[in-house]
Amino acid sequence: LELKEKIGAGWITTPAVQLAEENAEVVAALTSLGYSVSEATKAVASMPPDSKLSLEERVKQALAYFTTK
């Protein structure tokens, strides 16, 4: 759900909120690849918090979790 346009400029986005949004995008990408929400959440939780990475790089990091199992 895209709410950025509805919220407006009055809201401040903190780094924690930004990271949570990015993690949700990674979980969505993994579930679209066939992983369960539980599996995707565990993969994201195993990743170091680094909001400087692109979505693609974060998805690659999360996929690496499944190769180490």
PDB file of N, CA and C in Angstrom:
ATOM      1  N   LEU A   1       0.840  -1.176   0.000  1.00  0.00           N
ATOM      2  CA  LEU A   1       0.000   0.000   0.000  1.00  0.00           C
ATOM      3  C   LEU A   1       0.883   1.235   0.000  1.00  0.00           C
ATOM      4  N   GLU A   2       0.714   2.081  -0.948  1.00  0.00           N
ATOM      5  CA  GLU A   2       1.493   3.309  -1.015  1.00  0.00           C
ATOM      6  C   GLU A   2       0.723   4.427  -0.331  1.00  0.00           C
ATOM      7  N   LEU A   3       1.210   4.846   0.812  1.00  0.00           N
ATOM      8  CA  LEU A   3       0.546   5.902   1.559  1.00  0.00           C
ATOM      9  C   LEU A   3       1.337   7.202   1.560  1.00  0.00           C
ATOM     10  N   LYS A   4       2.509   7.203   0.947  1.00  0.00           N
ATOM     11  CA  LYS A   4       3.364   8.388   0.978  1.00  0.00           C
ATOM     12  C   LYS A   4       2.633   9.621   0.463  1.00  0.00           C
ATOM     13  N   GLU A   5       1.868   9.472  -0.617  1.00  0.00           N
ATOM     14  CA  GLU A   5       1.168  10.610  -1.187  1.00  0.00           C
ATOM     15  C   GLU A   5       0.042  11.083  -0.277  1.00  0.00           C
ATOM     16  N   LYS A   6      -0.599  10.159   0.431  1.00  0.00           N
ATOM     17  CA  LYS A   6      -1.735  10.500   1.273  1.00  0.00           C
ATOM     18  C   LYS A   6      -1.300  11.138   2.588  1.00  0.00           C
ATOM     19  N   ILE A   7      -0.132  10.775   3.076  1.00  0.00           N
ATOM     20  CA  ILE A   7       0.330  11.291   4.362  1.00  0.00           C
ATOM     21  C   ILE A   7       0.756  12.744   4.245  1.00  0.00           C
ATOM     22  N   GLY A   8       1.457  13.077   3.196  1.00  0.00           N
ATOM     23  CA  GLY A   8       1.890  14.450   2.999  1.00  0.00           C
ATOM     24  C   GLY A   8       3.257  14.714   3.594  1.00  0.00           C
ATOM     25  N   ALA A   9       3.697  15.937   3.451  1.00  0.00           N
ATOM     26  CA  ALA A   9       5.047  16.319   3.860  1.00  0.00           C
ATOM     27  C   ALA A   9       5.158  16.571   5.352  1.00  0.00           C
ATOM     28  N   GLY A  10       4.077  16.572   6.083  1.00  0.00           N
ATOM     29  CA  GLY A  10       4.107  16.855   7.513  1.00  0.00           C
ATOM     30  C   GLY A  10       4.714  15.753   8.356  1.00  0.00           C
ATOM     31  N   TRP A  11       4.847  14.567   7.826  1.00  0.00           N
ATOM     32  CA  TRP A  11       5.376  13.444   8.583  1.00  0.00           C
ATOM     33  C   TRP A  11       6.870  13.328   8.360  1.00  0.00           C
ATOM     34  N   ILE A  12       7.561  12.999   9.409  1.00  0.00           N
ATOM     35  CA  ILE A  12       9.009  12.832   9.341  1.00  0.00           C
ATOM     36  C   ILE A  12       9.311  11.347   9.248  1.00  0.00           C
ATOM     37  N   THR A  13      10.162  10.981   8.301  1.00  0.00           N
ATOM     38  CA  THR A  13      10.573   9.593   8.158  1.00  0.00           C
ATOM     39  C   THR A  13      11.897   9.409   8.885  1.00  0.00           C
ATOM     40  N   THR A  14      11.893   8.550   9.888  1.00  0.00           N
ATOM     41  CA  THR A  14      13.113   8.275  10.634  1.00  0.00           C
ATOM     42  C   THR A  14      13.861   7.136   9.961  1.00  0.00           C
ATOM     43  N   PRO A  15      15.141   6.980  10.266  1.00  0.00           N
ATOM     44  CA  PRO A  15      15.883   5.852   9.690  1.00  0.00           C
ATOM     45  C   PRO A  15      15.242   4.506  10.017  1.00  0.00           C
ATOM     46  N   ALA A  16      14.675   4.373  11.217  1.00  0.00           N
ATOM     47  CA  ALA A  16      14.036   3.106  11.595  1.00  0.00           C
ATOM     48  C   ALA A  16      12.813   2.830  10.727  1.00  0.00           C
ATOM     49  N   VAL A  17      12.040   3.858  10.454  1.00  0.00           N
ATOM     50  CA  VAL A  17      10.858   3.695   9.601  1.00  0.00           C
ATOM     51  C   VAL A  17      11.285   3.356   8.185  1.00  0.00           C
ATOM     52  N   GLN A  18      12.310   4.035   7.704  1.00  0.00           N
ATOM     53  CA  GLN A  18      12.806   3.767   6.351  1.00  0.00           C
ATOM     54  C   GLN A  18      13.294   2.326   6.243  1.00  0.00           C
ATOM     55  N   LEU A  19      14.033   1.850   7.257  1.00  0.00           N
ATOM     56  CA  LEU A  19      14.535   0.479   7.243  1.00  0.00           C
ATOM     57  C   LEU A  19      13.379  -0.517   7.272  1.00  0.00           C
ATOM     58  N   ALA A  20      12.357  -0.240   8.063  1.00  0.00           N
ATOM     59  CA  ALA A  20      11.193  -1.131   8.127  1.00  0.00           C
ATOM     60  C   ALA A  20      10.497  -1.210   6.768  1.00  0.00           C
ATOM     61  N   GLU A  21      10.383  -0.069   6.087  1.00  0.00           N
ATOM     62  CA  GLU A  21       9.763  -0.059   4.757  1.00  0.00           C
ATOM     63  C   GLU A  21      10.602  -0.853   3.764  1.00  0.00           C
ATOM     64  N   GLU A  22      11.916  -0.686   3.831  1.00  0.00           N
ATOM     65  CA  GLU A  22      12.803  -1.424   2.927  1.00  0.00           C
ATOM     66  C   GLU A  22      12.728  -2.919   3.211  1.00  0.00           C
ATOM     67  N   ASN A  23      12.669  -3.291   4.490  1.00  0.00           N
ATOM     68  CA  ASN A  23      12.558  -4.705   4.839  1.00  0.00           C
ATOM     69  C   ASN A  23      11.242  -5.285   4.338  1.00  0.00           C
ATOM     70  N   ALA A  24      10.180  -4.518   4.403  1.00  0.00           N
ATOM     71  CA  ALA A  24       8.886  -4.985   3.898  1.00  0.00           C
ATOM     72  C   ALA A  24       8.956  -5.225   2.392  1.00  0.00           C
ATOM     73  N   GLU A  25       9.695  -4.379   1.688  1.00  0.00           N
ATOM     74  CA  GLU A  25       9.857  -4.569   0.244  1.00  0.00           C
ATOM     75  C   GLU A  25      10.648  -5.840  -0.050  1.00  0.00           C
ATOM     76  N   VAL A  26      11.654  -6.133   0.776  1.00  0.00           N
ATOM     77  CA  VAL A  26      12.445  -7.354   0.589  1.00  0.00           C
ATOM     78  C   VAL A  26      11.569  -8.576   0.856  1.00  0.00           C
ATOM     79  N   VAL A  27      10.775  -8.534   1.918  1.00  0.00           N
ATOM     80  CA  VAL A  27       9.864  -9.644   2.224  1.00  0.00           C
ATOM     81  C   VAL A  27       8.890  -9.843   1.065  1.00  0.00           C
ATOM     82  N   ALA A  28       8.365  -8.769   0.520  1.00  0.00           N
ATOM     83  CA  ALA A  28       7.437  -8.870  -0.613  1.00  0.00           C
ATOM     84  C   ALA A  28       8.125  -9.493  -1.825  1.00  0.00           C
ATOM     85  N   ALA A  29       9.364  -9.100  -2.073  1.00  0.00           N
ATOM     86  CA  ALA A  29      10.103  -9.666  -3.211  1.00  0.00           C
ATOM     87  C   ALA A  29      10.328 -11.160  -3.014  1.00  0.00           C
ATOM     88  N   LEU A  30      10.699 -11.552  -1.805  1.00  0.00           N
ATOM     89  CA  LEU A  30      10.957 -12.970  -1.537  1.00  0.00           C
ATOM     90  C   LEU A  30       9.676 -13.800  -1.628  1.00  0.00           C
ATOM     91  N   THR A  31       8.573 -13.261  -1.128  1.00  0.00           N
ATOM     92  CA  THR A  31       7.320 -14.021  -1.216  1.00  0.00           C
ATOM     93  C   THR A  31       6.855 -14.133  -2.662  1.00  0.00           C
ATOM     94  N   SER A  32       7.169 -13.137  -3.479  1.00  0.00           N
ATOM     95  CA  SER A  32       6.804 -13.241  -4.897  1.00  0.00           C
ATOM     96  C   SER A  32       7.649 -14.294  -5.611  1.00  0.00           C
ATOM     97  N   LEU A  33       8.793 -14.633  -5.009  1.00  0.00           N
ATOM     98  CA  LEU A  33       9.644 -15.691  -5.565  1.00  0.00           C
ATOM     99  C   LEU A  33       9.260 -17.076  -5.042  1.00  0.00           C
ATOM    100  N   GLY A  34       8.251 -17.129  -4.165  1.00  0.00           N
ATOM    101  CA  GLY A  34       7.757 -18.414  -3.695  1.00  0.00           C
ATOM    102  C   GLY A  34       8.095 -18.769  -2.261  1.00  0.00           C
ATOM    103  N   TYR A  35       8.845 -17.927  -1.574  1.00  0.00           N
ATOM    104  CA  TYR A  35       9.150 -18.185  -0.167  1.00  0.00           C
ATOM    105  C   TYR A  35       7.955 -17.782   0.679  1.00  0.00           C
ATOM    106  N   SER A  36       7.784 -18.451   1.817  1.00  0.00           N
ATOM    107  CA  SER A  36       6.694 -18.085   2.720  1.00  0.00           C
ATOM    108  C   SER A  36       7.053 -16.786   3.442  1.00  0.00           C
ATOM    109  N   VAL A  37       6.053 -16.145   4.015  1.00  0.00           N
ATOM    110  CA  VAL A  37       6.294 -14.913   4.772  1.00  0.00           C
ATOM    111  C   VAL A  37       7.226 -15.208   5.940  1.00  0.00           C
ATOM    112  N   SER A  38       7.040 -16.354   6.574  1.00  0.00           N
ATOM    113  CA  SER A  38       7.894 -16.738   7.694  1.00  0.00           C
ATOM    114  C   SER A  38       9.349 -16.893   7.261  1.00  0.00           C
ATOM    115  N   GLU A  39       9.567 -17.590   6.155  1.00  0.00           N
ATOM    116  CA  GLU A  39      10.927 -17.765   5.635  1.00  0.00           C
ATOM    117  C   GLU A  39      11.546 -16.422   5.258  1.00  0.00           C
ATOM    118  N   ALA A  40      10.766 -15.592   4.586  1.00  0.00           N
ATOM    119  CA  ALA A  40      11.269 -14.291   4.146  1.00  0.00           C
ATOM    120  C   ALA A  40      11.613 -13.403   5.336  1.00  0.00           C
ATOM    121  N   THR A  41      10.782 -13.443   6.363  1.00  0.00           N
ATOM    122  CA  THR A  41      11.031 -12.642   7.557  1.00  0.00           C
ATOM    123  C   THR A  41      12.302 -13.091   8.260  1.00  0.00           C
ATOM    124  N   LYS A  42      12.523 -14.393   8.337  1.00  0.00           N
ATOM    125  CA  LYS A  42      13.752 -14.911   8.954  1.00  0.00           C
ATOM    126  C   LYS A  42      14.981 -14.486   8.157  1.00  0.00           C
ATOM    127  N   ALA A  43      14.881 -14.520   6.847  1.00  0.00           N
ATOM    128  CA  ALA A  43      16.002 -14.108   6.000  1.00  0.00           C
ATOM    129  C   ALA A  43      16.320 -12.633   6.205  1.00  0.00           C
ATOM    130  N   VAL A  44      15.297 -11.802   6.267  1.00  0.00           N
ATOM    131  CA  VAL A  44      15.503 -10.367   6.476  1.00  0.00           C
ATOM    132  C   VAL A  44      16.078 -10.110   7.865  1.00  0.00           C
ATOM    133  N   ALA A  45      15.606 -10.842   8.857  1.00  0.00           N
ATOM    134  CA  ALA A  45      16.112 -10.665  10.221  1.00  0.00           C
ATOM    135  C   ALA A  45      17.584 -11.045  10.334  1.00  0.00           C
ATOM    136  N   SER A  46      18.053 -11.928   9.474  1.00  0.00           N
ATOM    137  CA  SER A  46      19.450 -12.364   9.522  1.00  0.00           C
ATOM    138  C   SER A  46      20.402 -11.362   8.873  1.00  0.00           C
ATOM    139  N   MET A  47      19.848 -10.383   8.163  1.00  0.00           N
ATOM    140  CA  MET A  47      20.669  -9.414   7.438  1.00  0.00           C
ATOM    141  C   MET A  47      21.127  -8.288   8.358  1.00  0.00           C
ATOM    142  N   PRO A  48      22.347  -7.780   8.127  1.00  0.00           N
ATOM    143  CA  PRO A  48      22.771  -6.604   8.896  1.00  0.00           C
ATOM    144  C   PRO A  48      21.975  -5.380   8.441  1.00  0.00           C
ATOM    145  N   PRO A  49      21.630  -4.504   9.373  1.00  0.00           N
ATOM    146  CA  PRO A  49      20.867  -3.312   8.968  1.00  0.00           C
ATOM    147  C   PRO A  49      21.761  -2.337   8.208  1.00  0.00           C
ATOM    148  N   ASP A  50      21.484  -2.156   6.932  1.00  0.00           N
ATOM    149  CA  ASP A  50      22.262  -1.235   6.104  1.00  0.00           C
ATOM    150  C   ASP A  50      21.338  -0.618   5.074  1.00  0.00           C
ATOM    151  N   SER A  51      20.840   0.555   5.380  1.00  0.00           N
ATOM    152  CA  SER A  51      19.878   1.191   4.480  1.00  0.00           C
ATOM    153  C   SER A  51      20.543   1.823   3.265  1.00  0.00           C
ATOM    154  N   LYS A  52      21.859   1.734   3.161  1.00  0.00           N
ATOM    155  CA  LYS A  52      22.552   2.312   2.009  1.00  0.00           C
ATOM    156  C   LYS A  52      22.521   1.379   0.803  1.00  0.00           C
ATOM    157  N   LEU A  53      22.139   0.133   1.021  1.00  0.00           N
ATOM    158  CA  LEU A  53      22.072  -0.824  -0.075  1.00  0.00           C
ATOM    159  C   LEU A  53      20.785  -0.625  -0.864  1.00  0.00           C
ATOM    160  N   SER A  54      20.861  -0.917  -2.143  1.00  0.00           N
ATOM    161  CA  SER A  54      19.660  -0.840  -2.976  1.00  0.00           C
ATOM    162  C   SER A  54      18.745  -2.018  -2.649  1.00  0.00           C
ATOM    163  N   LEU A  55      17.521  -1.931  -3.099  1.00  0.00           N
ATOM    164  CA  LEU A  55      16.566  -3.023  -2.887  1.00  0.00           C
ATOM    165  C   LEU A  55      17.106  -4.311  -3.495  1.00  0.00           C
ATOM    166  N   GLU A  56      17.658  -4.210  -4.690  1.00  0.00           N
ATOM    167  CA  GLU A  56      18.208  -5.387  -5.361  1.00  0.00           C
ATOM    168  C   GLU A  56      19.321  -6.024  -4.524  1.00  0.00           C
ATOM    169  N   GLU A  57      20.200  -5.211  -3.970  1.00  0.00           N
ATOM    170  CA  GLU A  57      21.299  -5.738  -3.156  1.00  0.00           C
ATOM    171  C   GLU A  57      20.781  -6.376  -1.873  1.00  0.00           C
ATOM    172  N   ARG A  58      19.732  -5.787  -1.280  1.00  0.00           N
ATOM    173  CA  ARG A  58      19.155  -6.356  -0.057  1.00  0.00           C
ATOM    174  C   ARG A  58      18.462  -7.690  -0.360  1.00  0.00           C
ATOM    175  N   VAL A  59      17.803  -7.786  -1.513  1.00  0.00           N
ATOM    176  CA  VAL A  59      17.169  -9.055  -1.897  1.00  0.00           C
ATOM    177  C   VAL A  59      18.242 -10.118  -2.106  1.00  0.00           C
ATOM    178  N   LYS A  60      19.348  -9.755  -2.741  1.00  0.00           N
ATOM    179  CA  LYS A  60      20.451 -10.704  -2.936  1.00  0.00           C
ATOM    180  C   LYS A  60      21.002 -11.182  -1.601  1.00  0.00           C
ATOM    181  N   GLN A  61      21.149 -10.256  -0.650  1.00  0.00           N
ATOM    182  CA  GLN A  61      21.614 -10.630   0.686  1.00  0.00           C
ATOM    183  C   GLN A  61      20.644 -11.607   1.338  1.00  0.00           C
ATOM    184  N   ALA A  62      19.367 -11.325   1.217  1.00  0.00           N
ATOM    185  CA  ALA A  62      18.358 -12.197   1.811  1.00  0.00           C
ATOM    186  C   ALA A  62      18.369 -13.568   1.146  1.00  0.00           C
ATOM    187  N   LEU A  63      18.545 -13.612  -0.165  1.00  0.00           N
ATOM    188  CA  LEU A  63      18.607 -14.898  -0.862  1.00  0.00           C
ATOM    189  C   LEU A  63      19.819 -15.709  -0.421  1.00  0.00           C
ATOM    190  N   ALA A  64      20.899 -15.026  -0.071  1.00  0.00           N
ATOM    191  CA  ALA A  64      22.097 -15.721   0.404  1.00  0.00           C
ATOM    192  C   ALA A  64      21.808 -16.485   1.693  1.00  0.00           C
ATOM    193  N   TYR A  65      20.858 -16.011   2.484  1.00  0.00           N
ATOM    194  CA  TYR A  65      20.457 -16.697   3.713  1.00  0.00           C
ATOM    195  C   TYR A  65      19.999 -18.123   3.401  1.00  0.00           C
ATOM    196  N   PHE A  66      19.287 -18.295   2.313  1.00  0.00           N
ATOM    197  CA  PHE A  66      18.751 -19.612   1.972  1.00  0.00           C
ATOM    198  C   PHE A  66      19.836 -20.567   1.477  1.00  0.00           C
ATOM    199  N   THR A  67      20.935 -20.049   0.975  1.00  0.00           N
ATOM    200  CA  THR A  67      22.019 -20.922   0.513  1.00  0.00           C
ATOM    201  C   THR A  67      22.900 -21.392   1.661  1.00  0.00           C
ATOM    202  N   THR A  68      22.811 -20.720   2.820  1.00  0.00           N
ATOM    203  CA  THR A  68      23.626 -21.114   3.971  1.00  0.00           C
ATOM    204  C   THR A  68      22.891 -22.059   4.901  1.00  0.00           C
ATOM    205  N   LYS A  69      21.647 -22.363   4.609  1.00  0.00           N
ATOM    206  CA  LYS A  69      20.852 -23.250   5.475  1.00  0.00           C
ATOM    207  C   LYS A  69      21.267 -24.683   5.312  1.00  0.00           C
TER     208      LYS A  69
END
